[in-house]
Structures are given as C-alpha cells and as structure tokens.
Amino acid sequence: MLALACLSSATSMYLTVQTRRPEIALRRAIGAGRASIGRMFVLEGLLVGTGGGLAGGAAGMMALLAFCLQQGWTPVLALEAVTVGVIAGAVTGVLASVYPAISASRADPAQAIRG
C-alpha cells in the first residue's frame, strides 16, 4: 500500500512540475539556481507527505476509538505507532518528490516559457 501511495504521490508531483513550468522558468530567469528549484519541490513533497501521515494517523486513531467504543473495550494505542506513521508519510513524500525535483531543476528556462 505504501508503494502505491508513493507512486501516486510521485505522479502527482510530476504533473505539478509540468503544469508549473512557466513559474519554474521565471524563477530560473530571475536568478534562482537549480538547487533552490529542486529544494522547493522536495520541501513541497515533505509537507504533503507529513500532512498525509498526520491525516492517516488521525483517521486511524478515530477508527480505533470508534471500534473500541462500539465493542466496549478500552482503547490502547502506542504513541510510537502514530509517530512511525507520520515519519513514514514524510519519507514517502520526500522520496516521491525527488525525481520531479530533479526534472524541474533541469528544465531549460527558455523552452519552459515557450510552452
């Protein structure tokens, strides 16, 4: 499941790079280096992955609480499980953004502005 999430996130990031080519070209034309363009997309991937990990952790905790309440059980959840989920989301976001970041940083500004 994590591989599928990483693949779909990478596809989404790559499409984002393609639609933002004029912005990337403008940033490069006014002096942004390749490294800063790459870092921008990796940071976006990190933020999206962390947000996904937080949302997944919250949804999992809510599902656990609902199920335990329905069964009359005492809910028990280790904090490490939630932390691992958030970290896994962040790592997945970074890994999924590496190729799109490289692609964005290598784009030729003149070609990108032309369309």
Protein backbone atom coordinates (compact mmCIF):
# COMPACT_ATOMS: atom_id res chain seq x y z
CA MET A 1 0.00 0.00 0.00
CA LEU A 2 2.87 2.34 0.83
CA ALA A 3 4.41 1.70 -2.60
CA LEU A 4 1.13 2.64 -4.26
CA ALA A 5 0.92 5.82 -2.19
CA CYS A 6 4.49 6.70 -3.16
CA LEU A 7 3.81 6.05 -6.83
CA SER A 8 0.63 8.10 -6.92
CA SER A 9 2.31 10.92 -4.99
CA ALA A 10 5.25 10.89 -7.42
CA THR A 11 2.86 11.04 -10.37
CA SER A 12 1.02 13.94 -8.81
CA MET A 13 4.28 15.80 -8.11
CA TYR A 14 5.50 15.22 -11.65
CA LEU A 15 2.25 16.59 -13.09
CA THR A 16 2.60 19.59 -10.78
CA VAL A 17 6.06 20.23 -12.18
CA GLN A 18 4.72 20.03 -15.73
CA THR A 19 1.91 22.50 -15.07
CA ARG A 20 4.21 24.90 -13.24
CA ARG A 21 6.88 25.04 -15.96
CA PRO A 22 6.34 28.76 -16.68
CA GLU A 23 6.73 29.57 -12.97
CA ILE A 24 9.89 27.45 -12.78
CA ALA A 25 11.26 29.17 -15.88
CA LEU A 26 10.54 32.60 -14.43
CA ARG A 27 12.26 31.69 -11.18
CA ARG A 28 15.29 30.44 -13.10
CA ALA A 29 15.32 33.55 -15.31
CA ILE A 30 15.43 35.90 -12.31
CA GLY A 31 18.34 34.05 -10.77
CA ALA A 32 17.11 31.02 -8.85
CA GLY A 33 19.60 28.20 -9.05
CA ARG A 34 18.89 24.60 -9.91
CA ALA A 35 19.43 23.59 -6.31
CA SER A 36 16.85 26.04 -4.99
CA ILE A 37 14.27 24.84 -7.51
CA GLY A 38 14.95 21.23 -6.50
CA ARG A 39 14.74 22.08 -2.80
CA MET A 40 11.43 23.83 -3.36
CA PHE A 41 9.82 20.67 -4.76
CA VAL A 42 11.39 18.39 -2.16
CA LEU A 43 10.05 20.68 0.57
CA GLU A 44 6.59 20.55 -1.01
CA GLY A 45 6.79 16.76 -1.06
CA LEU A 46 7.86 16.73 2.59
CA LEU A 47 4.94 18.96 3.59
CA VAL A 48 2.39 16.95 1.61
CA GLY A 49 3.74 13.65 2.94
CA THR A 50 3.76 14.88 6.52
CA GLY A 51 0.20 16.16 6.12
CA GLY A 52 -0.84 12.79 4.73
CA GLY A 53 0.86 11.00 7.61
CA LEU A 54 -0.89 13.24 10.13
CA ALA A 55 -4.26 12.76 8.43
CA GLY A 56 -3.75 8.99 8.28
CA GLY A 57 -2.71 8.86 11.92
CA ALA A 58 -5.75 10.89 12.95
CA ALA A 59 -8.08 8.72 10.88
CA GLY A 60 -6.55 5.57 12.34
CA MET A 61 -6.94 6.83 15.89
CA MET A 62 -10.55 7.82 15.26
CA ALA A 63 -11.30 4.42 13.76
CA LEU A 64 -9.65 2.70 16.72
CA LEU A 65 -11.64 4.80 19.20
CA ALA A 66 -14.92 4.19 17.37
CA PHE A 67 -14.34 0.44 17.19
CA CYS A 68 -13.30 0.21 20.84
CA LEU A 69 -16.33 2.22 21.95
CA GLN A 70 -18.62 0.01 19.91
CA GLN A 71 -17.15 -3.17 21.43
CA GLY A 72 -16.93 -1.75 24.95
CA TRP A 73 -13.17 -2.14 25.05
CA THR A 74 -10.57 0.18 26.50
CA PRO A 75 -8.65 1.77 23.62
CA VAL A 76 -4.89 1.28 23.75
CA LEU A 77 -2.60 2.82 21.15
CA ALA A 78 1.14 3.28 21.45
CA LEU A 79 2.33 6.78 20.63
CA GLU A 80 5.18 5.22 18.64
CA ALA A 81 2.68 3.79 16.14
CA VAL A 82 1.36 7.25 15.32
CA THR A 83 4.88 8.69 15.18
CA VAL A 84 6.03 5.97 12.79
CA GLY A 85 3.03 6.70 10.55
CA VAL A 86 3.83 10.40 10.37
CA ILE A 87 7.51 9.72 9.71
CA ALA A 88 6.61 7.17 7.02
CA GLY A 89 4.37 9.77 5.37
CA ALA A 90 7.16 12.35 5.42
CA VAL A 91 9.71 9.91 3.98
CA THR A 92 7.24 8.83 1.31
CA GLY A 93 6.62 12.46 0.36
CA VAL A 94 10.34 13.19 0.06
CA LEU A 95 11.03 10.04 -1.96
CA ALA A 96 8.11 10.77 -4.27
CA SER A 97 9.36 14.30 -4.91
CA VAL A 98 12.99 13.53 -5.76
CA TYR A 99 12.50 12.73 -9.46
CA PRO A 100 10.09 15.63 -10.09
CA ALA A 101 12.52 17.96 -8.29
CA ILE A 102 15.39 16.81 -10.50
CA SER A 103 13.18 17.21 -13.57
CA ALA A 104 12.18 20.73 -12.53
CA SER A 105 15.74 21.79 -11.76
CA ARG A 106 17.00 20.60 -15.17
CA ALA A 107 14.32 22.42 -17.16
CA ASP A 108 15.60 24.91 -19.70
CA PRO A 109 14.02 28.30 -18.88
CA ALA A 110 13.71 29.41 -22.50
CA GLN A 111 11.94 26.20 -23.55
CA ALA A 112 9.68 26.20 -20.49
CA ILE A 113 8.42 29.74 -21.11
CA ARG A 114 7.62 28.93 -24.74
CA GLY A 115 5.27 26.21 -23.61
